Amino acid sequence: MLIANPIYDAVFKYLMEDKEIARELLSLIIKEEIVEIEFKPQEQTGLADKFSVTIFRLDFRAIIKTKTGELKKVLIELQKGRHLIDIQRFRRYLGENYVQEDEIVYGQKDKVRQILPIITIYLLGFKLKGVDTPALKVNRTYRDLITGKVLYQVKHPFVESLTHDCYVIQIPRLDPSLRNRLEKVLSVFNQHFIMGEDAHLLGIPFEPADALLEKMIKRLAIAASDKEVRNKLILEEEFEYTIERALRQKDEILERKDLEIEKILEEKSKTLQEKDRTLEEKDRTLEEKNRTLEEKDRLIEELKRKLEDRNL
């Protein structure tokens, strides 16, 4: 089946605007049951050359049902990046969420503003060197530094508000062999399925046997023929091309500057070597002069003694 490629932000946003798909996909990634989910507004508009482009991240308020049956409200921050430079943006957005308070309703009327625990999920369009797995979880443990024991039953709002679990999906490392359910569902991001020269489209070569995967494929198939999504996708590609061209130009400028600096340093080094040789030559000349003067002094002393001997 032919689907729009969700590595592009316009398509990814279209996919995740389906609340049920978002809830089930996030539940699958964090391996927690999300019983309720809602979007938070987070879109930002920026300018690139002569056209405007929307740069966005997806934030969700979610109620999670833990394995013990406890319900807890969290903030899930979902970000997607195609370049290593996106790390700076990830850090900035994460910092913004750490200082934001959310309104929590208790009972019928009581409302309290508090900072929610954060879960971050990153979908990367590049590989992290040395991290070979396509899906990675980095979680927290409470450890007693005196005894060394892990405190499995301990949770505190202070700690939960200042630290967070992190999930990283490396899209280029997704395996076409689809080894488990997560990798099967994430196959809609698998760039091995690009159709020929058109990177906008993926061809899913199998019939989805998973209900969530089937829903995602159907929505992405609609996106593939949606004119508005396609226009946004083309605009985004132009923006990406502008960024990549700017990065290449920056690298070229830096490379030229490095070569210029290297040349200047070589010339300075040669100049210093010449100065060192000149100083060495001067030192040798001075040594020769000193030896000549010493020889003259010795000859004068010898003549003086001879004269004194003759006078006697």
C-alpha atoms as a PDB file:
ATOM      1  CA  MET A   1       0.000   0.000   0.000  1.00  0.00           C
ATOM      2  CA  LEU A   2       1.191   3.508  -0.856  1.00  0.00           C
ATOM      3  CA  ILE A   3       1.397   5.937   2.091  1.00  0.00           C
ATOM      4  CA  ALA A   4       2.757   9.441   2.747  1.00  0.00           C
ATOM      5  CA  ASN A   5       6.181   9.436   4.398  1.00  0.00           C
ATOM      6  CA  PRO A   6       5.766  10.533   8.056  1.00  0.00           C
ATOM      7  CA  ILE A   7       9.433  11.486   8.373  1.00  0.00           C
ATOM      8  CA  TYR A   8       8.183  14.832   7.044  1.00  0.00           C
ATOM      9  CA  ASP A   9       6.668  17.063   9.737  1.00  0.00           C
ATOM     10  CA  ALA A  10       3.521  17.870   7.728  1.00  0.00           C
ATOM     11  CA  VAL A  11       2.671  14.179   7.343  1.00  0.00           C
ATOM     12  CA  PHE A  12       3.716  13.286  10.889  1.00  0.00           C
ATOM     13  CA  LYS A  13       1.496  16.037  12.293  1.00  0.00           C
ATOM     14  CA  TYR A  14      -1.434  14.825  10.173  1.00  0.00           C
ATOM     15  CA  LEU A  15      -0.914  11.291  11.521  1.00  0.00           C
ATOM     16  CA  MET A  16      -0.703  12.339  15.174  1.00  0.00           C
ATOM     17  CA  GLU A  17      -3.735  14.619  14.999  1.00  0.00           C
ATOM     18  CA  ASP A  18      -5.789  11.426  15.207  1.00  0.00           C
ATOM     19  CA  LYS A  19      -6.187  11.218  18.985  1.00  0.00           C
ATOM     20  CA  GLU A  20      -6.713   7.446  19.080  1.00  0.00           C
ATOM     21  CA  ILE A  21      -3.623   6.775  16.950  1.00  0.00           C
ATOM     22  CA  ALA A  22      -1.601   9.138  19.163  1.00  0.00           C
ATOM     23  CA  ARG A  23      -2.860   7.468  22.353  1.00  0.00           C
ATOM     24  CA  GLU A  24      -2.173   3.919  21.160  1.00  0.00           C
ATOM     25  CA  LEU A  25       1.220   4.714  19.601  1.00  0.00           C
ATOM     26  CA  LEU A  26       2.478   6.550  22.688  1.00  0.00           C
ATOM     27  CA  SER A  27       1.180   3.732  24.920  1.00  0.00           C
ATOM     28  CA  LEU A  28       3.087   1.209  22.821  1.00  0.00           C
ATOM     29  CA  ILE A  29       6.333   3.199  22.997  1.00  0.00           C
ATOM     30  CA  ILE A  30       6.294   3.897  26.741  1.00  0.00           C
ATOM     31  CA  LYS A  31       4.695   0.508  27.561  1.00  0.00           C
ATOM     32  CA  GLU A  32       2.149   2.153  29.847  1.00  0.00           C
ATOM     33  CA  GLU A  33      -1.631   2.264  29.421  1.00  0.00           C
ATOM     34  CA  ILE A  34      -2.698   5.778  28.477  1.00  0.00           C
ATOM     35  CA  VAL A  35      -6.371   6.057  29.363  1.00  0.00           C
ATOM     36  CA  GLU A  36      -6.820   9.680  28.330  1.00  0.00           C
ATOM     37  CA  ILE A  37      -4.855  12.095  26.166  1.00  0.00           C
ATOM     38  CA  GLU A  38      -5.204  15.695  25.027  1.00  0.00           C
ATOM     39  CA  PHE A  39      -3.087  17.967  22.857  1.00  0.00           C
ATOM     40  CA  LYS A  40      -1.359  21.062  24.145  1.00  0.00           C
ATOM     41  CA  PRO A  41      -0.927  24.054  21.776  1.00  0.00           C
ATOM     42  CA  GLN A  42       2.721  24.272  20.762  1.00  0.00           C
ATOM     43  CA  GLU A  43       3.041  25.389  17.144  1.00  0.00           C
ATOM     44  CA  GLN A  44       5.575  28.080  16.272  1.00  0.00           C
ATOM     45  CA  THR A  45       5.941  29.862  12.929  1.00  0.00           C
ATOM     46  CA  GLY A  46       9.280  30.938  11.526  1.00  0.00           C
ATOM     47  CA  LEU A  47      10.639  32.311   8.256  1.00  0.00           C
ATOM     48  CA  ALA A  48      12.984  30.654   5.820  1.00  0.00           C
ATOM     49  CA  ASP A  49      14.135  32.750   2.842  1.00  0.00           C
ATOM     50  CA  LYS A  50      10.970  33.967   1.032  1.00  0.00           C
ATOM     51  CA  PHE A  51       8.452  31.527   2.477  1.00  0.00           C
ATOM     52  CA  SER A  52       7.029  30.830   5.918  1.00  0.00           C
ATOM     53  CA  VAL A  53       7.169  27.399   7.523  1.00  0.00           C
ATOM     54  CA  THR A  54       5.628  25.985  10.686  1.00  0.00           C
ATOM     55  CA  ILE A  55       8.090  24.402  13.082  1.00  0.00           C
ATOM     56  CA  PHE A  56       6.305  22.332  15.707  1.00  0.00           C
ATOM     57  CA  ARG A  57       6.628  19.819  18.458  1.00  0.00           C
ATOM     58  CA  LEU A  58       3.794  17.744  19.848  1.00  0.00           C
ATOM     59  CA  ASP A  59       2.994  17.972  23.544  1.00  0.00           C
ATOM     60  CA  PHE A  60       0.281  15.894  25.186  1.00  0.00           C
ATOM     61  CA  ARG A  61      -1.283  15.885  28.611  1.00  0.00           C
ATOM     62  CA  ALA A  62      -1.955  12.249  29.394  1.00  0.00           C
ATOM     63  CA  ILE A  63      -3.463  10.209  32.197  1.00  0.00           C
ATOM     64  CA  ILE A  64      -1.528   6.980  32.617  1.00  0.00           C
ATOM     65  CA  LYS A  65      -2.760   3.903  34.425  1.00  0.00           C
ATOM     66  CA  THR A  66       0.238   2.273  36.087  1.00  0.00           C
ATOM     67  CA  LYS A  67       0.697  -1.463  36.577  1.00  0.00           C
ATOM     68  CA  THR A  68      -0.458  -1.018  40.181  1.00  0.00           C
ATOM     69  CA  GLY A  69      -3.735   0.574  39.009  1.00  0.00           C
ATOM     70  CA  GLU A  70      -2.700   4.110  40.042  1.00  0.00           C
ATOM     71  CA  LEU A  71      -3.757   6.960  37.739  1.00  0.00           C
ATOM     72  CA  LYS A  72      -1.193   9.718  37.200  1.00  0.00           C
ATOM     73  CA  LYS A  73      -1.176  12.775  34.964  1.00  0.00           C
ATOM     74  CA  VAL A  74       1.967  13.432  32.949  1.00  0.00           C
ATOM     75  CA  LEU A  75       3.207  15.636  30.139  1.00  0.00           C
ATOM     76  CA  ILE A  76       4.448  13.692  27.101  1.00  0.00           C
ATOM     77  CA  GLU A  77       6.741  15.724  24.869  1.00  0.00           C
ATOM     78  CA  LEU A  78       7.111  14.207  21.398  1.00  0.00           C
ATOM     79  CA  GLN A  79       9.742  15.715  19.122  1.00  0.00           C
ATOM     80  CA  LYS A  80      11.018  14.704  15.721  1.00  0.00           C
ATOM     81  CA  GLY A  81      14.350  15.792  14.270  1.00  0.00           C
ATOM     82  CA  ARG A  82      16.119  15.121  10.977  1.00  0.00           C
ATOM     83  CA  HIS A  83      19.437  16.797  11.784  1.00  0.00           C
ATOM     84  CA  LEU A  84      21.948  16.588  14.612  1.00  0.00           C
ATOM     85  CA  ILE A  85      21.570  20.364  15.106  1.00  0.00           C
ATOM     86  CA  ASP A  86      17.976  19.700  16.280  1.00  0.00           C
ATOM     87  CA  ILE A  87      19.463  18.704  19.669  1.00  0.00           C
ATOM     88  CA  GLN A  88      19.659  22.402  20.615  1.00  0.00           C
ATOM     89  CA  ARG A  89      15.948  22.767  19.819  1.00  0.00           C
ATOM     90  CA  PHE A  90      15.148  19.640  21.869  1.00  0.00           C
ATOM     91  CA  ARG A  91      16.945  21.115  24.891  1.00  0.00           C
ATOM     92  CA  ARG A  92      15.200  24.472  24.539  1.00  0.00           C
ATOM     93  CA  TYR A  93      11.716  22.940  24.308  1.00  0.00           C
ATOM     94  CA  LEU A  94      12.411  20.617  27.219  1.00  0.00           C
ATOM     95  CA  GLY A  95      13.506  23.594  29.312  1.00  0.00           C
ATOM     96  CA  GLU A  96      10.285  25.415  28.456  1.00  0.00           C
ATOM     97  CA  ASN A  97       8.170  22.472  29.622  1.00  0.00           C
ATOM     98  CA  TYR A  98      10.100  22.190  32.884  1.00  0.00           C
ATOM     99  CA  VAL A  99       8.933  25.646  33.964  1.00  0.00           C
ATOM    100  CA  GLN A 100       5.316  25.360  32.783  1.00  0.00           C
ATOM    101  CA  GLU A 101       2.534  24.691  35.261  1.00  0.00           C
ATOM    102  CA  ASP A 102      -0.673  22.864  34.395  1.00  0.00           C
ATOM    103  CA  GLU A 103      -4.084  23.161  35.978  1.00  0.00           C
ATOM    104  CA  ILE A 104      -5.096  19.977  37.802  1.00  0.00           C
ATOM    105  CA  VAL A 105      -8.710  19.482  38.883  1.00  0.00           C
ATOM    106  CA  TYR A 106      -9.385  17.567  42.102  1.00  0.00           C
ATOM    107  CA  GLY A 107     -12.943  16.539  42.880  1.00  0.00           C
ATOM    108  CA  GLN A 108     -15.682  18.763  41.482  1.00  0.00           C
ATOM    109  CA  LYS A 109     -14.266  22.261  41.990  1.00  0.00           C
ATOM    110  CA  ASP A 110     -10.768  22.229  43.448  1.00  0.00           C
ATOM    111  CA  LYS A 111      -8.165  23.386  40.920  1.00  0.00           C
ATOM    112  CA  VAL A 112      -4.436  23.386  41.602  1.00  0.00           C
ATOM    113  CA  ARG A 113      -1.601  24.545  39.366  1.00  0.00           C
ATOM    114  CA  GLN A 114       1.395  22.232  39.447  1.00  0.00           C
ATOM    115  CA  ILE A 115       4.330  21.107  37.332  1.00  0.00           C
ATOM    116  CA  LEU A 116       3.640  17.734  35.738  1.00  0.00           C
ATOM    117  CA  PRO A 117       6.235  14.951  35.428  1.00  0.00           C
ATOM    118  CA  ILE A 118       7.636  14.849  31.872  1.00  0.00           C
ATOM    119  CA  ILE A 119       8.163  11.924  29.530  1.00  0.00           C
ATOM    120  CA  THR A 120      10.143  12.736  26.369  1.00  0.00           C
ATOM    121  CA  ILE A 121      10.050  10.795  23.107  1.00  0.00           C
ATOM    122  CA  TYR A 122      12.450  11.639  20.274  1.00  0.00           C
ATOM    123  CA  LEU A 123      12.055  10.320  16.728  1.00  0.00           C
ATOM    124  CA  LEU A 124      15.379  10.878  14.997  1.00  0.00           C
ATOM    125  CA  GLY A 125      16.049  10.906  11.281  1.00  0.00           C
ATOM    126  CA  PHE A 126      19.754  10.331  11.939  1.00  0.00           C
ATOM    127  CA  LYS A 127      21.847   7.728  13.747  1.00  0.00           C
ATOM    128  CA  LEU A 128      23.415   8.133  17.170  1.00  0.00           C
ATOM    129  CA  LYS A 129      26.972   6.854  16.912  1.00  0.00           C
ATOM    130  CA  GLY A 130      27.532   3.760  19.057  1.00  0.00           C
ATOM    131  CA  VAL A 131      23.821   3.250  19.817  1.00  0.00           C
ATOM    132  CA  ASP A 132      22.841   0.392  17.494  1.00  0.00           C
ATOM    133  CA  THR A 133      19.268  -0.268  18.651  1.00  0.00           C
ATOM    134  CA  PRO A 134      16.396   1.415  16.759  1.00  0.00           C
ATOM    135  CA  ALA A 135      14.402   1.951  19.975  1.00  0.00           C
ATOM    136  CA  LEU A 136      15.983   3.001  23.260  1.00  0.00           C
ATOM    137  CA  LYS A 137      14.601   3.736  26.733  1.00  0.00           C
ATOM    138  CA  VAL A 138      16.549   5.745  29.303  1.00  0.00           C
ATOM    139  CA  ASN A 139      14.760   5.597  32.648  1.00  0.00           C
ATOM    140  CA  ARG A 140      15.309   6.682  36.224  1.00  0.00           C
ATOM    141  CA  THR A 141      15.952   4.613  39.320  1.00  0.00           C
ATOM    142  CA  TYR A 142      15.917   5.655  42.963  1.00  0.00           C
ATOM    143  CA  ARG A 143      19.088   4.253  44.518  1.00  0.00           C
ATOM    144  CA  ASP A 144      20.225   4.432  48.135  1.00  0.00           C
ATOM    145  CA  LEU A 145      23.814   5.682  47.914  1.00  0.00           C
ATOM    146  CA  ILE A 146      24.580   4.330  51.396  1.00  0.00           C
ATOM    147  CA  THR A 147      23.434   0.734  50.889  1.00  0.00           C
ATOM    148  CA  GLY A 148      23.536   0.667  47.070  1.00  0.00           C
ATOM    149  CA  LYS A 149      20.012  -0.781  46.945  1.00  0.00           C
ATOM    150  CA  VAL A 150      17.449   0.254  44.325  1.00  0.00           C
ATOM    151  CA  LEU A 151      14.304   1.666  45.977  1.00  0.00           C
ATOM    152  CA  TYR A 152      11.654   0.148  43.711  1.00  0.00           C
ATOM    153  CA  GLN A 153       8.577   1.310  45.635  1.00  0.00           C
ATOM    154  CA  VAL A 154       9.706   4.917  46.215  1.00  0.00           C
ATOM    155  CA  LYS A 155       8.288   7.820  44.146  1.00  0.00           C
ATOM    156  CA  HIS A 156       8.224  11.488  45.143  1.00  0.00           C
ATOM    157  CA  PRO A 157       6.782  14.533  43.289  1.00  0.00           C
ATOM    158  CA  PHE A 158      10.003  16.504  43.921  1.00  0.00           C
ATOM    159  CA  VAL A 159      12.122  13.919  42.086  1.00  0.00           C
ATOM    160  CA  GLU A 160       9.487  13.199  39.440  1.00  0.00           C
ATOM    161  CA  SER A 161       9.230  16.921  38.563  1.00  0.00           C
ATOM    162  CA  LEU A 162      12.982  17.406  38.166  1.00  0.00           C
ATOM    163  CA  THR A 163      13.897  14.242  36.236  1.00  0.00           C
ATOM    164  CA  HIS A 164      12.277  12.414  33.351  1.00  0.00           C
ATOM    165  CA  ASP A 165      12.173   9.182  31.381  1.00  0.00           C
ATOM    166  CA  CYS A 166      13.371   9.390  27.795  1.00  0.00           C
ATOM    167  CA  TYR A 167      12.622   7.297  24.706  1.00  0.00           C
ATOM    168  CA  VAL A 168      14.649   7.512  21.502  1.00  0.00           C
ATOM    169  CA  ILE A 169      13.562   6.056  18.150  1.00  0.00           C
ATOM    170  CA  GLN A 170      16.313   6.009  15.494  1.00  0.00           C
ATOM    171  CA  ILE A 171      14.418   5.827  12.212  1.00  0.00           C
ATOM    172  CA  PRO A 172      17.473   4.921  10.048  1.00  0.00           C
ATOM    173  CA  ARG A 173      18.094   1.877  12.286  1.00  0.00           C
ATOM    174  CA  LEU A 174      14.600   0.400  11.850  1.00  0.00           C
ATOM    175  CA  ASP A 175      14.953  -3.147  10.522  1.00  0.00           C
ATOM    176  CA  PRO A 176      12.805  -4.271   7.543  1.00  0.00           C
ATOM    177  CA  SER A 177      12.523  -7.720   9.149  1.00  0.00           C
ATOM    178  CA  LEU A 178      10.016  -6.351  11.758  1.00  0.00           C
ATOM    179  CA  ARG A 179      11.148  -8.322  14.800  1.00  0.00           C
ATOM    180  CA  ASN A 180       8.450  -7.307  17.323  1.00  0.00           C
ATOM    181  CA  ARG A 181       5.177  -5.363  17.531  1.00  0.00           C
ATOM    182  CA  LEU A 182       6.845  -1.996  18.157  1.00  0.00           C
ATOM    183  CA  GLU A 183       9.046  -2.380  15.095  1.00  0.00           C
ATOM    184  CA  LYS A 184       6.035  -3.515  13.037  1.00  0.00           C
ATOM    185  CA  VAL A 185       4.054  -0.413  14.021  1.00  0.00           C
ATOM    186  CA  LEU A 186       7.068   1.842  13.464  1.00  0.00           C
ATOM    187  CA  SER A 187       7.450   0.339   9.968  1.00  0.00           C
ATOM    188  CA  VAL A 188       5.408   3.287   8.666  1.00  0.00           C
ATOM    189  CA  PHE A 189       8.562   5.367   9.353  1.00  0.00           C
ATOM    190  CA  ASN A 190      10.946   2.828   7.788  1.00  0.00           C
ATOM    191  CA  GLN A 191      12.864   4.577   4.996  1.00  0.00           C
ATOM    192  CA  HIS A 192      13.767   1.227   3.415  1.00  0.00           C
ATOM    193  CA  PHE A 193      10.243   1.350   1.939  1.00  0.00           C
ATOM    194  CA  ILE A 194      10.741   4.588  -0.068  1.00  0.00           C
ATOM    195  CA  MET A 195       9.144   4.243  -3.504  1.00  0.00           C
ATOM    196  CA  GLY A 196      11.819   4.784  -6.148  1.00  0.00           C
ATOM    197  CA  GLU A 197      12.994   8.392  -6.466  1.00  0.00           C
ATOM    198  CA  ASP A 198      10.009   9.900  -4.643  1.00  0.00           C
ATOM    199  CA  ALA A 199      10.993  10.207  -0.958  1.00  0.00           C
ATOM    200  CA  HIS A 200       7.518  11.583  -0.184  1.00  0.00           C
ATOM    201  CA  LEU A 201       5.960   8.126  -0.488  1.00  0.00           C
ATOM    202  CA  LEU A 202       6.506   4.748   1.158  1.00  0.00           C
ATOM    203  CA  GLY A 203       5.279   1.436  -0.186  1.00  0.00           C
ATOM    204  CA  ILE A 204       4.262  -0.926   2.607  1.00  0.00           C
ATOM    205  CA  PRO A 205       5.024  -4.400   1.191  1.00  0.00           C
ATOM    206  CA  PHE A 206       2.806  -6.413   3.553  1.00  0.00           C
ATOM    207  CA  GLU A 207      -0.769  -6.585   4.805  1.00  0.00           C
ATOM    208  CA  PRO A 208      -1.013  -5.112   8.331  1.00  0.00           C
ATOM    209  CA  ALA A 209      -2.077  -7.726  10.869  1.00  0.00           C
ATOM    210  CA  ASP A 210      -2.002  -5.213  13.728  1.00  0.00           C
ATOM    211  CA  ALA A 211      -5.053  -3.015  14.426  1.00  0.00           C
ATOM    212  CA  LEU A 212      -2.989   0.094  15.302  1.00  0.00           C
ATOM    213  CA  LEU A 213      -0.711  -0.348  12.293  1.00  0.00           C
ATOM    214  CA  GLU A 214      -3.761  -0.730  10.045  1.00  0.00           C
ATOM    215  CA  LYS A 215      -5.226   2.557  11.361  1.00  0.00           C
ATOM    216  CA  MET A 216      -1.914   4.359  10.823  1.00  0.00           C
ATOM    217  CA  ILE A 217      -1.510   3.021   7.279  1.00  0.00           C
ATOM    218  CA  LYS A 218      -5.074   4.023   6.346  1.00  0.00           C
ATOM    219  CA  ARG A 219      -4.558   7.577   7.637  1.00  0.00           C
ATOM    220  CA  LEU A 220      -1.192   7.911   5.883  1.00  0.00           C
ATOM    221  CA  ALA A 221      -2.743   6.581   2.660  1.00  0.00           C
ATOM    222  CA  ILE A 222      -5.278   9.435   2.872  1.00  0.00           C
ATOM    223  CA  ALA A 223      -2.420  11.889   3.494  1.00  0.00           C
ATOM    224  CA  ALA A 224      -0.673  10.626   0.342  1.00  0.00           C
ATOM    225  CA  SER A 225      -3.567  11.925  -1.783  1.00  0.00           C
ATOM    226  CA  ASP A 226      -4.465  14.972   0.327  1.00  0.00           C
ATOM    227  CA  LYS A 227      -3.582  18.096  -1.681  1.00  0.00           C
ATOM    228  CA  GLU A 228      -3.096  20.337   1.378  1.00  0.00           C
ATOM    229  CA  VAL A 229      -0.755  17.843   3.062  1.00  0.00           C
ATOM    230  CA  ARG A 230       1.204  17.403  -0.184  1.00  0.00           C
ATOM    231  CA  ASN A 231       1.620  21.195  -0.545  1.00  0.00           C
ATOM    232  CA  LYS A 232       2.866  21.475   3.049  1.00  0.00           C
ATOM    233  CA  LEU A 233       5.205  18.549   2.431  1.00  0.00           C
ATOM    234  CA  ILE A 234       6.728  20.238  -0.642  1.00  0.00           C
ATOM    235  CA  LEU A 235       7.103  23.493   1.317  1.00  0.00           C
ATOM    236  CA  GLU A 236       8.823  21.638   4.135  1.00  0.00           C
ATOM    237  CA  GLU A 237      11.179  19.949   1.675  1.00  0.00           C
ATOM    238  CA  GLU A 238      12.141  23.356   0.278  1.00  0.00           C
ATOM    239  CA  PHE A 239      12.787  24.538   3.826  1.00  0.00           C
ATOM    240  CA  GLU A 240      14.899  21.434   4.544  1.00  0.00           C
ATOM    241  CA  TYR A 241      16.844  22.030   1.337  1.00  0.00           C
ATOM    242  CA  THR A 242      17.453  25.644   2.421  1.00  0.00           C
ATOM    243  CA  ILE A 243      18.749  24.458   5.806  1.00  0.00           C
ATOM    244  CA  GLU A 244      20.969  21.781   4.255  1.00  0.00           C
ATOM    245  CA  ARG A 245      22.341  24.251   1.696  1.00  0.00           C
ATOM    246  CA  ALA A 246      23.037  26.771   4.478  1.00  0.00           C
ATOM    247  CA  LEU A 247      24.794  24.064   6.516  1.00  0.00           C
ATOM    248  CA  ARG A 248      26.903  23.056   3.501  1.00  0.00           C
ATOM    249  CA  GLN A 249      27.823  26.691   2.859  1.00  0.00           C
ATOM    250  CA  LYS A 250      28.676  27.126   6.535  1.00  0.00           C
ATOM    251  CA  ASP A 251      30.879  24.017   6.430  1.00  0.00           C
ATOM    252  CA  GLU A 252      32.587  25.267   3.262  1.00  0.00           C
ATOM    253  CA  ILE A 253      33.219  28.690   4.833  1.00  0.00           C
ATOM    254  CA  LEU A 254      34.588  27.066   7.991  1.00  0.00           C
ATOM    255  CA  GLU A 255      36.776  24.764   5.903  1.00  0.00           C
ATOM    256  CA  ARG A 256      38.157  27.719   3.931  1.00  0.00           C
ATOM    257  CA  LYS A 257      38.795  29.625   7.156  1.00  0.00           C
ATOM    258  CA  ASP A 258      40.540  26.591   8.626  1.00  0.00           C
ATOM    259  CA  LEU A 259      42.766  26.396   5.540  1.00  0.00           C
ATOM    260  CA  GLU A 260      43.483  30.127   5.749  1.00  0.00           C
ATOM    261  CA  ILE A 261      44.320  29.866   9.445  1.00  0.00           C
ATOM    262  CA  GLU A 262      46.498  26.833   8.748  1.00  0.00           C
ATOM    263  CA  LYS A 263      48.313  28.751   5.999  1.00  0.00           C
ATOM    264  CA  ILE A 264      48.824  31.783   8.278  1.00  0.00           C
ATOM    265  CA  LEU A 265      50.129  29.533  11.047  1.00  0.00           C
ATOM    266  CA  GLU A 266      52.511  27.824   8.599  1.00  0.00           C
ATOM    267  CA  GLU A 267      53.777  31.213   7.412  1.00  0.00           C
ATOM    268  CA  LYS A 268      54.210  32.379  11.003  1.00  0.00           C
ATOM    269  CA  SER A 269      55.988  29.146  11.796  1.00  0.00           C
ATOM    270  CA  LYS A 270      58.327  29.681   8.829  1.00  0.00           C
ATOM    271  CA  THR A 271      58.915  33.291   9.918  1.00  0.00           C
ATOM    272  CA  LEU A 272      59.727  32.147  13.463  1.00  0.00           C
ATOM    273  CA  GLN A 273      62.045  29.462  12.106  1.00  0.00           C
ATOM    274  CA  GLU A 274      63.803  32.126   9.999  1.00  0.00           C
ATOM    275  CA  LYS A 275      64.109  34.352  13.060  1.00  0.00           C
ATOM    276  CA  ASP A 276      65.477  31.425  15.054  1.00  0.00           C
ATOM    277  CA  ARG A 277      68.046  30.744  12.332  1.00  0.00           C
ATOM    278  CA  THR A 278      68.971  34.457  12.228  1.00  0.00           C
ATOM    279  CA  LEU A 279      69.366  34.528  16.002  1.00  0.00           C
ATOM    280  CA  GLU A 280      71.449  31.349  15.907  1.00  0.00           C
ATOM    281  CA  GLU A 281      73.636  32.949  13.223  1.00  0.00           C
ATOM    282  CA  LYS A 282      74.010  36.071  15.339  1.00  0.00           C
ATOM    283  CA  ASP A 283      74.923  33.939  18.346  1.00  0.00           C
ATOM    284  CA  ARG A 284      77.578  32.149  16.298  1.00  0.00           C
ATOM    285  CA  THR A 285      78.928  35.507  15.063  1.00  0.00           C
ATOM    286  CA  LEU A 286      79.067  36.823  18.630  1.00  0.00           C
ATOM    287  CA  GLU A 287      80.819  33.651  19.770  1.00  0.00           C
ATOM    288  CA  GLU A 288      83.368  34.095  16.973  1.00  0.00           C
ATOM    289  CA  LYS A 289      83.896  37.726  17.960  1.00  0.00           C
ATOM    290  CA  ASN A 290      84.297  36.751  21.591  1.00  0.00           C
ATOM    291  CA  ARG A 291      86.837  34.081  20.674  1.00  0.00           C
ATOM    292  CA  THR A 292      88.717  36.628  18.504  1.00  0.00           C
ATOM    293  CA  LEU A 293      88.741  39.140  21.341  1.00  0.00           C
ATOM    294  CA  GLU A 294      89.910  36.490  23.781  1.00  0.00           C
ATOM    295  CA  GLU A 295      92.688  35.552  21.367  1.00  0.00           C
ATOM    296  CA  LYS A 296      93.692  39.180  21.027  1.00  0.00           C
ATOM    297  CA  ASP A 297      93.688  39.596  24.791  1.00  0.00           C
ATOM    298  CA  ARG A 298      95.843  36.500  25.121  1.00  0.00           C
ATOM    299  CA  LEU A 299      98.316  37.783  22.516  1.00  0.00           C
ATOM    300  CA  ILE A 300      98.485  41.176  24.217  1.00  0.00           C
ATOM    301  CA  GLU A 301      99.157  39.531  27.566  1.00  0.00           C
ATOM    302  CA  GLU A 302     101.841  37.390  26.009  1.00  0.00           C
ATOM    303  CA  LEU A 303     103.523  40.415  24.398  1.00  0.00           C
ATOM    304  CA  LYS A 304     103.413  42.240  27.724  1.00  0.00           C
ATOM    305  CA  ARG A 305     105.207  39.358  29.427  1.00  0.00           C
ATOM    306  CA  LYS A 306     107.833  39.209  26.723  1.00  0.00           C
ATOM    307  CA  LEU A 307     108.473  42.934  27.066  1.00  0.00           C
ATOM    308  CA  GLU A 308     108.746  42.638  30.808  1.00  0.00           C
ATOM    309  CA  ASP A 309     111.225  39.751  30.435  1.00  0.00           C
ATOM    310  CA  ARG A 310     113.382  41.755  27.983  1.00  0.00           C
ATOM    311  CA  ASN A 311     113.496  44.780  30.320  1.00  0.00           C
ATOM    312  CA  LEU A 312     114.756  42.580  33.106  1.00  0.00           C
END
